[in-house]
Each structure stands twice: as C-alpha cells, then as structure tokens.
Amino acid sequence: MHLMFLHGPVAAGKYTVAKELAVLTGFELYHNHVVVDEVLKQHSFGTPGFIAERDRLWREFFGRFPGSGRENIIFTFNPENTVPQIFIDWLFAEMARRGVRLSSIAVTASEAVIEARIALKQRAQFRKLTDVALYRQLRDSGAFSTPVIPRTDLCIDTGALEPAEAARQIAEHFRRH
C-alpha cells in the first residue's frame, strides 16, 4: 500500500509527471482536479461551501484507501491557502495509522519556467490558473505558502528534467528506499 503524494506550485508539472509515473509504476492517478472540478459545479472557488465540500470528498476518498481495489495511488496537490492545514496533517497521520507508505515528492521549477507554463493555452481546458499577473499577485500575497507539507522525501526539478525522466527518477528512488 503506497501513496505517492506529488506536491508543488502551480504549473510545476505535477500532473504531467504523475501521468508518466502512473505508466511506470501501474499506480492509479488521482489528480486533485477530479474533486476540485466537481466541487466547482456547485460552489465558487475558495468559498466556505467549496472548502467544506472539497475537504469532505478528499477525506471520503482517502478514508476508503487502501481498499475498494486501490492499493497504490499517486495524488497531485498544489498547496494553496484554501486548503486547511488540518487536512494535510490528517492525511499524513491517517495514512501512517493505516499502514500506508506515504512518499512525499516536491515537484518544483523556477519561477521563469512556472510563468511560461501558466501562459500555455492547454491549461485552460483543465480549469487551471492561466493568468500570470494573477499568479504573481497570489504568490506575492502568500496564497501558496500554506498548508505546510509536513515532510518531503524527494525533490524533483521539472525545469531541468523531461516528465518521463522525472517520473523515472521518482520510481527509482522509491524502489531503493
């Protein structure tokens, strides 16, 4: 039972690397936008209703893990201040309590790489942030400073690695450790 928790800033390449990692490992990919997009159908982003419903759905999903045919999962996550710290703390503690190996992987890139990726048109189809000026405003106001991830086991710079190579390095690292 293994949860690979890929976290990092907007446009760092978490989903792209996670897709490659899923192919290499056979792990199921659980992209955070599955829940976010569903909740956005009923609530505006960041509203109390949005936060509560997203939290409920994430906890419901992870509350069934492992189980329901799910033994190994990759979860992508962008720390941002509408996610309560208590959810992240619960996730790390609950997985440990259930005997699930949680591998925490920071997916990073330089600000120049992130800003170039934010401007890519393909991001719009996933309802992702596509406005560089808004990104800068949010970043500078500390919107991505919380929640704090309790630990990071591996850091991957996607500005220096192609997605397939980043995934290969992640898979290899966790085979050895």
N, C-alpha and C. Protein backbone atom coordinates (compact mmCIF):
# COMPACT_ATOMS: atom_id res chain seq x y z
N MET A 1 0.86 -1.17 0.00
CA MET A 1 0.00 0.00 0.00
C MET A 1 0.90 1.23 0.00
N HIS A 2 0.72 2.04 -1.01
CA HIS A 2 1.65 3.15 -1.20
C HIS A 2 0.89 4.34 -1.79
N LEU A 3 1.07 5.49 -1.17
CA LEU A 3 0.55 6.75 -1.68
C LEU A 3 1.73 7.63 -2.06
N MET A 4 1.85 7.94 -3.34
CA MET A 4 2.85 8.90 -3.79
C MET A 4 2.15 10.25 -3.87
N PHE A 5 2.58 11.16 -3.01
CA PHE A 5 1.96 12.47 -2.85
C PHE A 5 2.85 13.49 -3.55
N LEU A 6 2.48 13.88 -4.78
CA LEU A 6 3.25 14.86 -5.54
C LEU A 6 2.68 16.24 -5.27
N HIS A 7 3.49 17.09 -4.69
CA HIS A 7 3.04 18.43 -4.33
C HIS A 7 4.01 19.47 -4.88
N GLY A 8 3.48 20.64 -5.15
CA GLY A 8 4.33 21.70 -5.63
C GLY A 8 3.49 22.84 -6.18
N PRO A 9 4.17 23.88 -6.64
CA PRO A 9 3.46 25.07 -7.09
C PRO A 9 2.66 24.85 -8.36
N VAL A 10 1.81 25.81 -8.62
CA VAL A 10 1.06 25.88 -9.87
C VAL A 10 2.04 25.68 -11.03
N ALA A 11 1.66 24.89 -12.02
CA ALA A 11 2.41 24.73 -13.27
C ALA A 11 3.81 24.14 -13.11
N ALA A 12 4.05 23.47 -12.00
CA ALA A 12 5.35 22.82 -11.82
C ALA A 12 5.44 21.53 -12.63
N GLY A 13 4.30 21.03 -13.10
CA GLY A 13 4.31 19.81 -13.90
C GLY A 13 3.89 18.57 -13.14
N LYS A 14 3.19 18.76 -12.04
CA LYS A 14 2.79 17.62 -11.19
C LYS A 14 1.96 16.59 -11.96
N TYR A 15 0.94 17.06 -12.66
CA TYR A 15 0.05 16.15 -13.38
C TYR A 15 0.78 15.45 -14.53
N THR A 16 1.60 16.19 -15.25
CA THR A 16 2.34 15.62 -16.38
C THR A 16 3.29 14.53 -15.89
N VAL A 17 4.02 14.81 -14.83
CA VAL A 17 4.93 13.82 -14.25
C VAL A 17 4.14 12.65 -13.68
N ALA A 18 3.03 12.94 -13.03
CA ALA A 18 2.21 11.88 -12.42
C ALA A 18 1.68 10.91 -13.48
N LYS A 19 1.30 11.43 -14.65
CA LYS A 19 0.84 10.54 -15.73
C LYS A 19 1.95 9.58 -16.15
N GLU A 20 3.15 10.10 -16.28
CA GLU A 20 4.30 9.26 -16.64
C GLU A 20 4.60 8.25 -15.53
N LEU A 21 4.51 8.72 -14.30
CA LEU A 21 4.78 7.86 -13.14
C LEU A 21 3.75 6.73 -13.05
N ALA A 22 2.51 7.03 -13.36
CA ALA A 22 1.46 6.01 -13.35
C ALA A 22 1.75 4.91 -14.38
N VAL A 23 2.24 5.30 -15.54
CA VAL A 23 2.59 4.32 -16.57
C VAL A 23 3.74 3.44 -16.08
N LEU A 24 4.75 4.04 -15.47
CA LEU A 24 5.92 3.29 -15.00
C LEU A 24 5.60 2.35 -13.85
N THR A 25 4.74 2.78 -12.95
CA THR A 25 4.51 2.03 -11.71
C THR A 25 3.24 1.20 -11.70
N GLY A 26 2.30 1.55 -12.57
CA GLY A 26 0.99 0.90 -12.52
C GLY A 26 0.09 1.46 -11.43
N PHE A 27 0.54 2.51 -10.74
CA PHE A 27 -0.27 3.15 -9.70
C PHE A 27 -1.44 3.89 -10.34
N GLU A 28 -2.54 3.97 -9.61
CA GLU A 28 -3.69 4.75 -10.06
C GLU A 28 -3.39 6.24 -9.84
N LEU A 29 -3.73 7.07 -10.80
CA LEU A 29 -3.53 8.52 -10.68
C LEU A 29 -4.81 9.17 -10.20
N TYR A 30 -4.71 9.86 -9.08
CA TYR A 30 -5.84 10.60 -8.52
C TYR A 30 -5.45 12.08 -8.54
N HIS A 31 -5.82 12.76 -9.61
CA HIS A 31 -5.48 14.17 -9.80
C HIS A 31 -6.43 15.02 -8.96
N ASN A 32 -5.90 15.98 -8.23
CA ASN A 32 -6.74 16.78 -7.33
C ASN A 32 -7.87 17.50 -8.07
N HIS A 33 -7.70 17.74 -9.36
CA HIS A 33 -8.75 18.45 -10.10
C HIS A 33 -10.00 17.60 -10.31
N VAL A 34 -9.90 16.29 -10.10
CA VAL A 34 -11.10 15.45 -10.17
C VAL A 34 -12.12 15.97 -9.17
N VAL A 35 -11.67 16.21 -7.95
CA VAL A 35 -12.56 16.73 -6.90
C VAL A 35 -12.81 18.22 -7.10
N VAL A 36 -11.76 18.98 -7.35
CA VAL A 36 -11.91 20.43 -7.49
C VAL A 36 -12.92 20.77 -8.58
N ASP A 37 -12.81 20.13 -9.73
CA ASP A 37 -13.73 20.43 -10.83
C ASP A 37 -15.16 20.05 -10.48
N GLU A 38 -15.34 18.96 -9.77
CA GLU A 38 -16.68 18.54 -9.35
C GLU A 38 -17.28 19.56 -8.38
N VAL A 39 -16.49 20.01 -7.42
CA VAL A 39 -16.99 20.96 -6.42
C VAL A 39 -17.28 22.32 -7.07
N LEU A 40 -16.50 22.69 -8.08
CA LEU A 40 -16.73 23.97 -8.77
C LEU A 40 -18.08 24.02 -9.48
N LYS A 41 -18.69 22.89 -9.71
CA LYS A 41 -20.02 22.87 -10.33
C LYS A 41 -21.08 23.43 -9.39
N GLN A 42 -20.79 23.41 -8.08
CA GLN A 42 -21.77 23.85 -7.09
C GLN A 42 -21.33 25.06 -6.27
N HIS A 43 -20.01 25.29 -6.18
CA HIS A 43 -19.51 26.36 -5.31
C HIS A 43 -18.40 27.13 -6.02
N SER A 44 -18.31 28.41 -5.76
CA SER A 44 -17.20 29.22 -6.27
C SER A 44 -15.94 28.88 -5.49
N PHE A 45 -14.81 28.93 -6.20
CA PHE A 45 -13.54 28.58 -5.58
C PHE A 45 -13.27 29.43 -4.35
N GLY A 46 -12.85 28.78 -3.28
CA GLY A 46 -12.45 29.48 -2.07
C GLY A 46 -13.57 29.83 -1.12
N THR A 47 -14.82 29.63 -1.52
CA THR A 47 -15.94 29.94 -0.62
C THR A 47 -16.01 28.87 0.47
N PRO A 48 -16.66 29.19 1.59
CA PRO A 48 -16.78 28.18 2.65
C PRO A 48 -17.41 26.87 2.16
N GLY A 49 -18.41 26.96 1.29
CA GLY A 49 -19.03 25.75 0.75
C GLY A 49 -18.06 24.94 -0.08
N PHE A 50 -17.25 25.63 -0.89
CA PHE A 50 -16.24 24.96 -1.71
C PHE A 50 -15.24 24.23 -0.82
N ILE A 51 -14.72 24.94 0.17
CA ILE A 51 -13.69 24.38 1.05
C ILE A 51 -14.23 23.16 1.78
N ALA A 52 -15.43 23.27 2.32
CA ALA A 52 -16.02 22.17 3.09
C ALA A 52 -16.29 20.95 2.20
N GLU A 53 -16.84 21.18 1.02
CA GLU A 53 -17.18 20.06 0.13
C GLU A 53 -15.92 19.38 -0.41
N ARG A 54 -14.92 20.16 -0.79
CA ARG A 54 -13.66 19.58 -1.27
C ARG A 54 -13.03 18.75 -0.17
N ASP A 55 -12.99 19.27 1.05
CA ASP A 55 -12.42 18.55 2.19
C ASP A 55 -13.18 17.24 2.41
N ARG A 56 -14.50 17.30 2.37
CA ARG A 56 -15.33 16.11 2.59
C ARG A 56 -15.03 15.04 1.54
N LEU A 57 -14.96 15.45 0.28
CA LEU A 57 -14.72 14.48 -0.80
C LEU A 57 -13.32 13.90 -0.74
N TRP A 58 -12.32 14.73 -0.44
CA TRP A 58 -10.96 14.20 -0.30
C TRP A 58 -10.89 13.20 0.85
N ARG A 59 -11.47 13.56 2.00
CA ARG A 59 -11.44 12.65 3.15
C ARG A 59 -12.21 11.37 2.86
N GLU A 60 -13.30 11.49 2.15
CA GLU A 60 -14.08 10.30 1.78
C GLU A 60 -13.24 9.37 0.91
N PHE A 61 -12.56 9.93 -0.07
CA PHE A 61 -11.71 9.13 -0.96
C PHE A 61 -10.59 8.46 -0.17
N PHE A 62 -9.84 9.25 0.58
CA PHE A 62 -8.71 8.68 1.32
C PHE A 62 -9.17 7.82 2.49
N GLY A 63 -10.38 8.06 2.97
CA GLY A 63 -10.94 7.22 4.02
C GLY A 63 -11.19 5.80 3.55
N ARG A 64 -11.33 5.60 2.25
CA ARG A 64 -11.52 4.27 1.68
C ARG A 64 -10.20 3.66 1.20
N PHE A 65 -9.10 4.35 1.41
CA PHE A 65 -7.79 3.87 0.94
C PHE A 65 -6.98 3.37 2.12
N PRO A 66 -6.35 2.23 2.07
CA PRO A 66 -6.46 1.29 0.96
C PRO A 66 -7.79 0.55 1.01
N GLY A 67 -8.16 0.02 -0.08
CA GLY A 67 -9.42 -0.70 -0.19
C GLY A 67 -10.10 -0.34 -1.48
N SER A 68 -11.25 -0.85 -1.69
CA SER A 68 -12.02 -0.60 -2.92
C SER A 68 -11.17 -0.88 -4.16
N GLY A 69 -10.29 -1.88 -4.05
CA GLY A 69 -9.42 -2.22 -5.18
C GLY A 69 -8.26 -1.27 -5.36
N ARG A 70 -8.08 -0.35 -4.44
CA ARG A 70 -7.00 0.64 -4.55
C ARG A 70 -5.91 0.30 -3.53
N GLU A 71 -4.73 -0.01 -4.03
CA GLU A 71 -3.61 -0.32 -3.14
C GLU A 71 -2.48 0.69 -3.30
N ASN A 72 -2.35 1.26 -4.49
CA ASN A 72 -1.26 2.18 -4.80
C ASN A 72 -1.80 3.36 -5.60
N ILE A 73 -1.57 4.55 -5.06
CA ILE A 73 -2.15 5.76 -5.66
C ILE A 73 -1.10 6.86 -5.77
N ILE A 74 -1.23 7.64 -6.83
CA ILE A 74 -0.48 8.89 -6.98
C ILE A 74 -1.50 10.01 -6.83
N PHE A 75 -1.22 10.96 -5.94
CA PHE A 75 -2.11 12.11 -5.72
C PHE A 75 -1.33 13.38 -5.98
N THR A 76 -1.86 14.25 -6.83
CA THR A 76 -1.22 15.53 -7.12
C THR A 76 -1.88 16.63 -6.29
N PHE A 77 -1.06 17.54 -5.80
CA PHE A 77 -1.58 18.55 -4.88
C PHE A 77 -0.79 19.85 -5.00
N ASN A 78 -1.53 20.95 -5.11
CA ASN A 78 -0.93 22.29 -5.11
C ASN A 78 -1.25 22.96 -3.78
N PRO A 79 -0.26 23.14 -2.90
CA PRO A 79 -0.55 23.84 -1.65
C PRO A 79 -1.05 25.26 -1.94
N GLU A 80 -2.21 25.56 -1.40
CA GLU A 80 -2.76 26.92 -1.52
C GLU A 80 -3.67 27.14 -0.32
N ASN A 81 -3.81 28.40 0.06
CA ASN A 81 -4.36 28.74 1.36
C ASN A 81 -5.84 28.45 1.58
N THR A 82 -6.55 27.90 0.60
CA THR A 82 -7.93 27.49 0.89
C THR A 82 -7.97 26.05 1.41
N VAL A 83 -6.83 25.37 1.41
CA VAL A 83 -6.77 24.01 1.96
C VAL A 83 -6.33 24.14 3.42
N PRO A 84 -7.17 23.73 4.36
CA PRO A 84 -6.81 23.84 5.77
C PRO A 84 -5.61 22.95 6.12
N GLN A 85 -4.74 23.46 6.95
CA GLN A 85 -3.58 22.68 7.41
C GLN A 85 -4.04 21.36 8.02
N ILE A 86 -5.18 21.39 8.68
CA ILE A 86 -5.67 20.18 9.35
C ILE A 86 -5.92 19.04 8.36
N PHE A 87 -6.27 19.35 7.11
CA PHE A 87 -6.45 18.28 6.12
C PHE A 87 -5.13 17.58 5.84
N ILE A 88 -4.08 18.36 5.58
CA ILE A 88 -2.77 17.77 5.28
C ILE A 88 -2.26 16.99 6.48
N ASP A 89 -2.40 17.56 7.67
CA ASP A 89 -1.96 16.84 8.87
C ASP A 89 -2.73 15.53 9.03
N TRP A 90 -4.05 15.58 8.78
CA TRP A 90 -4.87 14.37 8.85
C TRP A 90 -4.41 13.34 7.83
N LEU A 91 -4.16 13.78 6.59
CA LEU A 91 -3.76 12.85 5.54
C LEU A 91 -2.47 12.12 5.91
N PHE A 92 -1.46 12.85 6.34
CA PHE A 92 -0.19 12.22 6.69
C PHE A 92 -0.36 11.29 7.89
N ALA A 93 -1.09 11.71 8.90
CA ALA A 93 -1.29 10.88 10.10
C ALA A 93 -2.17 9.67 9.80
N GLU A 94 -3.23 9.88 9.04
CA GLU A 94 -4.18 8.80 8.75
C GLU A 94 -3.55 7.72 7.89
N MET A 95 -2.76 8.10 6.91
CA MET A 95 -2.12 7.09 6.07
C MET A 95 -1.14 6.27 6.90
N ALA A 96 -0.38 6.93 7.78
CA ALA A 96 0.55 6.19 8.65
C ALA A 96 -0.22 5.24 9.56
N ARG A 97 -1.33 5.71 10.11
CA ARG A 97 -2.14 4.88 11.00
C ARG A 97 -2.66 3.63 10.28
N ARG A 98 -2.95 3.77 9.01
CA ARG A 98 -3.48 2.65 8.23
C ARG A 98 -2.39 1.76 7.64
N GLY A 99 -1.14 2.10 7.92
CA GLY A 99 -0.04 1.29 7.39
C GLY A 99 0.28 1.57 5.93
N VAL A 100 -0.17 2.71 5.44
CA VAL A 100 0.10 3.10 4.05
C VAL A 100 1.43 3.85 4.02
N ARG A 101 2.29 3.47 3.11
CA ARG A 101 3.54 4.19 2.91
C ARG A 101 3.22 5.46 2.13
N LEU A 102 3.47 6.61 2.72
CA LEU A 102 3.24 7.89 2.05
C LEU A 102 4.59 8.46 1.66
N SER A 103 4.83 8.57 0.36
CA SER A 103 6.05 9.17 -0.16
C SER A 103 5.72 10.57 -0.62
N SER A 104 6.39 11.55 -0.03
CA SER A 104 6.12 12.95 -0.30
C SER A 104 7.17 13.49 -1.28
N ILE A 105 6.71 13.87 -2.47
CA ILE A 105 7.60 14.31 -3.53
C ILE A 105 7.29 15.76 -3.89
N ALA A 106 8.26 16.64 -3.69
CA ALA A 106 8.11 18.04 -4.10
C ALA A 106 8.47 18.14 -5.58
N VAL A 107 7.55 18.65 -6.36
CA VAL A 107 7.77 18.87 -7.79
C VAL A 107 7.94 20.38 -7.95
N THR A 108 9.11 20.80 -8.37
CA THR A 108 9.43 22.22 -8.42
C THR A 108 9.88 22.63 -9.82
N ALA A 109 9.95 23.93 -10.01
CA ALA A 109 10.51 24.52 -11.22
C ALA A 109 10.81 25.98 -10.89
N SER A 110 11.66 26.59 -11.68
CA SER A 110 11.98 28.00 -11.46
C SER A 110 10.75 28.86 -11.74
N GLU A 111 10.75 30.06 -11.22
CA GLU A 111 9.64 30.99 -11.48
C GLU A 111 9.49 31.26 -12.98
N ALA A 112 10.60 31.36 -13.69
CA ALA A 112 10.53 31.61 -15.14
C ALA A 112 9.82 30.46 -15.85
N VAL A 113 10.14 29.23 -15.47
CA VAL A 113 9.50 28.06 -16.07
C VAL A 113 8.03 28.03 -15.71
N ILE A 114 7.72 28.26 -14.44
CA ILE A 114 6.32 28.26 -13.99
C ILE A 114 5.50 29.30 -14.75
N GLU A 115 6.02 30.51 -14.86
CA GLU A 115 5.27 31.56 -15.55
C GLU A 115 5.08 31.24 -17.03
N ALA A 116 6.08 30.65 -17.66
CA ALA A 116 5.94 30.27 -19.07
C ALA A 116 4.86 29.20 -19.22
N ARG A 117 4.83 28.26 -18.30
CA ARG A 117 3.82 27.19 -18.36
C ARG A 117 2.41 27.72 -18.06
N ILE A 118 2.30 28.65 -17.13
CA ILE A 118 0.98 29.21 -16.80
C ILE A 118 0.33 29.80 -18.04
N ALA A 119 1.13 30.41 -18.89
CA ALA A 119 0.60 31.06 -20.09
C ALA A 119 0.18 30.08 -21.19
N LEU A 120 0.48 28.80 -21.05
CA LEU A 120 0.13 27.82 -22.08
C LEU A 120 -1.38 27.65 -22.18
N LYS A 121 -1.88 27.70 -23.38
CA LYS A 121 -3.33 27.60 -23.63
C LYS A 121 -3.93 26.27 -23.15
N GLN A 122 -3.16 25.20 -23.21
CA GLN A 122 -3.68 23.88 -22.82
C GLN A 122 -4.14 23.82 -21.37
N ARG A 123 -3.64 24.71 -20.52
CA ARG A 123 -4.05 24.72 -19.11
C ARG A 123 -5.52 25.10 -18.94
N ALA A 124 -6.04 25.89 -19.86
CA ALA A 124 -7.43 26.36 -19.74
C ALA A 124 -8.43 25.21 -19.77
N GLN A 125 -8.14 24.18 -20.54
CA GLN A 125 -9.08 23.06 -20.65
C GLN A 125 -9.24 22.32 -19.33
N PHE A 126 -8.28 22.46 -18.42
CA PHE A 126 -8.35 21.82 -17.11
C PHE A 126 -8.78 22.79 -16.02
N ARG A 127 -9.24 23.96 -16.41
CA ARG A 127 -9.68 24.99 -15.46
C ARG A 127 -8.57 25.35 -14.47
N LYS A 128 -7.36 25.40 -14.99
CA LYS A 128 -6.20 25.75 -14.17
C LYS A 128 -5.88 27.23 -14.33
N LEU A 129 -5.10 27.75 -13.42
CA LEU A 129 -4.67 29.14 -13.46
C LEU A 129 -3.91 29.40 -14.76
N THR A 130 -4.34 30.42 -15.51
CA THR A 130 -3.71 30.74 -16.79
C THR A 130 -3.30 32.21 -16.90
N ASP A 131 -3.43 32.94 -15.83
CA ASP A 131 -3.14 34.38 -15.82
C ASP A 131 -1.87 34.62 -14.99
N VAL A 132 -0.79 34.99 -15.67
CA VAL A 132 0.50 35.19 -15.00
C VAL A 132 0.42 36.32 -13.98
N ALA A 133 -0.26 37.41 -14.31
CA ALA A 133 -0.38 38.53 -13.37
C ALA A 133 -1.12 38.10 -12.10
N LEU A 134 -2.18 37.33 -12.26
CA LEU A 134 -2.91 36.83 -11.09
C LEU A 134 -2.04 35.87 -10.29
N TYR A 135 -1.30 35.02 -10.97
CA TYR A 135 -0.38 34.11 -10.28
C TYR A 135 0.61 34.91 -9.42
N ARG A 136 1.21 35.95 -10.01
CA ARG A 136 2.18 36.75 -9.26
C ARG A 136 1.53 37.41 -8.04
N GLN A 137 0.32 37.92 -8.23
CA GLN A 137 -0.39 38.55 -7.11
C GLN A 137 -0.65 37.52 -6.00
N LEU A 138 -1.13 36.35 -6.37
CA LEU A 138 -1.40 35.30 -5.38
C LEU A 138 -0.12 34.85 -4.69
N ARG A 139 0.92 34.62 -5.48
CA ARG A 139 2.21 34.19 -4.93
C ARG A 139 2.74 35.22 -3.95
N ASP A 140 2.73 36.49 -4.37
CA ASP A 140 3.29 37.55 -3.54
C ASP A 140 2.48 37.80 -2.27
N SER A 141 1.19 37.46 -2.31
CA SER A 141 0.35 37.63 -1.11
C SER A 141 0.43 36.43 -0.17
N GLY A 142 1.19 35.40 -0.56
CA GLY A 142 1.36 34.23 0.30
C GLY A 142 0.31 33.15 0.12
N ALA A 143 -0.48 33.24 -0.94
CA ALA A 143 -1.58 32.28 -1.15
C ALA A 143 -1.08 30.84 -1.29
N PHE A 144 0.17 30.66 -1.69
CA PHE A 144 0.70 29.30 -1.88
C PHE A 144 1.63 28.87 -0.75
N SER A 145 1.66 29.64 0.34
CA SER A 145 2.55 29.35 1.46
C SER A 145 1.99 28.30 2.41
N THR A 146 0.68 28.12 2.38
CA THR A 146 0.05 27.15 3.26
C THR A 146 -0.93 26.31 2.44
N PRO A 147 -1.22 25.13 2.87
CA PRO A 147 -0.74 24.48 4.08
C PRO A 147 0.72 24.02 3.91
N VAL A 148 1.37 23.84 5.03
CA VAL A 148 2.75 23.37 5.05
C VAL A 148 2.75 21.85 4.93
N ILE A 149 3.56 21.34 4.04
CA ILE A 149 3.69 19.89 3.88
C ILE A 149 4.64 19.40 4.98
N PRO A 150 4.21 18.43 5.80
CA PRO A 150 5.00 18.02 6.97
C PRO A 150 6.39 17.50 6.66
N ARG A 151 6.55 16.85 5.52
CA ARG A 151 7.88 16.36 5.16
C ARG A 151 7.94 16.16 3.66
N THR A 152 9.15 16.21 3.14
CA THR A 152 9.39 15.93 1.73
C THR A 152 10.50 14.89 1.66
N ASP A 153 10.23 13.80 0.96
CA ASP A 153 11.20 12.71 0.85
C ASP A 153 12.09 12.83 -0.37
N LEU A 154 11.63 13.56 -1.38
CA LEU A 154 12.37 13.72 -2.62
C LEU A 154 11.92 15.01 -3.28
N CYS A 155 12.87 15.71 -3.91
CA CYS A 155 12.56 16.94 -4.64
C CYS A 155 12.99 16.76 -6.09
N ILE A 156 12.09 17.06 -7.01
CA ILE A 156 12.35 16.91 -8.44
C ILE A 156 12.13 18.26 -9.13
N ASP A 157 13.13 18.72 -9.88
CA ASP A 157 13.04 19.98 -10.62
C ASP A 157 12.62 19.68 -12.05
N THR A 158 11.36 19.97 -12.36
CA THR A 158 10.85 19.68 -13.71
C THR A 158 11.32 20.69 -14.75
N GLY A 159 11.95 21.75 -14.30
CA GLY A 159 12.55 22.68 -15.25
C GLY A 159 13.83 22.12 -15.83
N ALA A 160 14.43 21.17 -15.11
CA ALA A 160 15.69 20.57 -15.54
C ALA A 160 15.52 19.16 -16.11
N LEU A 161 14.33 18.59 -15.96
CA LEU A 161 14.09 17.21 -16.40
C LEU A 161 12.83 17.13 -17.25
N GLU A 162 12.87 16.28 -18.25
CA GLU A 162 11.67 15.97 -19.01
C GLU A 162 10.74 15.16 -18.11
N PRO A 163 9.43 15.21 -18.34
CA PRO A 163 8.49 14.48 -17.47
C PRO A 163 8.81 12.99 -17.32
N ALA A 164 9.16 12.32 -18.41
CA ALA A 164 9.45 10.88 -18.34
C ALA A 164 10.67 10.62 -17.47
N GLU A 165 11.68 11.47 -17.57
CA GLU A 165 12.88 11.30 -16.75
C GLU A 165 12.59 11.61 -15.29
N ALA A 166 11.80 12.63 -15.03
CA ALA A 166 11.40 12.95 -13.65
C ALA A 166 10.67 11.76 -13.04
N ALA A 167 9.74 11.18 -13.79
CA ALA A 167 8.99 10.02 -13.31
C ALA A 167 9.92 8.84 -13.06
N ARG A 168 10.86 8.62 -13.97
CA ARG A 168 11.81 7.52 -13.80
C ARG A 168 12.63 7.69 -12.53
N GLN A 169 13.09 8.92 -12.28
CA GLN A 169 13.88 9.17 -11.07
C GLN A 169 13.05 8.96 -9.80
N ILE A 170 11.80 9.37 -9.83
CA ILE A 170 10.92 9.16 -8.67
C ILE A 170 10.73 7.67 -8.43
N ALA A 171 10.38 6.93 -9.47
CA ALA A 171 10.15 5.49 -9.34
C ALA A 171 11.40 4.79 -8.84
N GLU A 172 12.54 5.13 -9.40
CA GLU A 172 13.81 4.51 -8.99
C GLU A 172 14.14 4.83 -7.54
N HIS A 173 13.96 6.07 -7.15
CA HIS A 173 14.25 6.47 -5.77
C HIS A 173 13.44 5.64 -4.78
N PHE A 174 12.16 5.48 -5.05
CA PHE A 174 11.32 4.77 -4.08
C PHE A 174 11.42 3.26 -4.20
N ARG A 175 12.02 2.76 -5.27
CA ARG A 175 12.36 1.33 -5.32
C ARG A 175 13.53 1.05 -4.39
N ARG A 176 14.47 2.00 -4.32
CA ARG A 176 15.67 1.82 -3.49
C ARG A 176 15.42 2.13 -2.02
N HIS A 177 14.46 2.97 -1.71
CA HIS A 177 14.25 3.41 -0.32
C HIS A 177 12.97 2.86 0.23
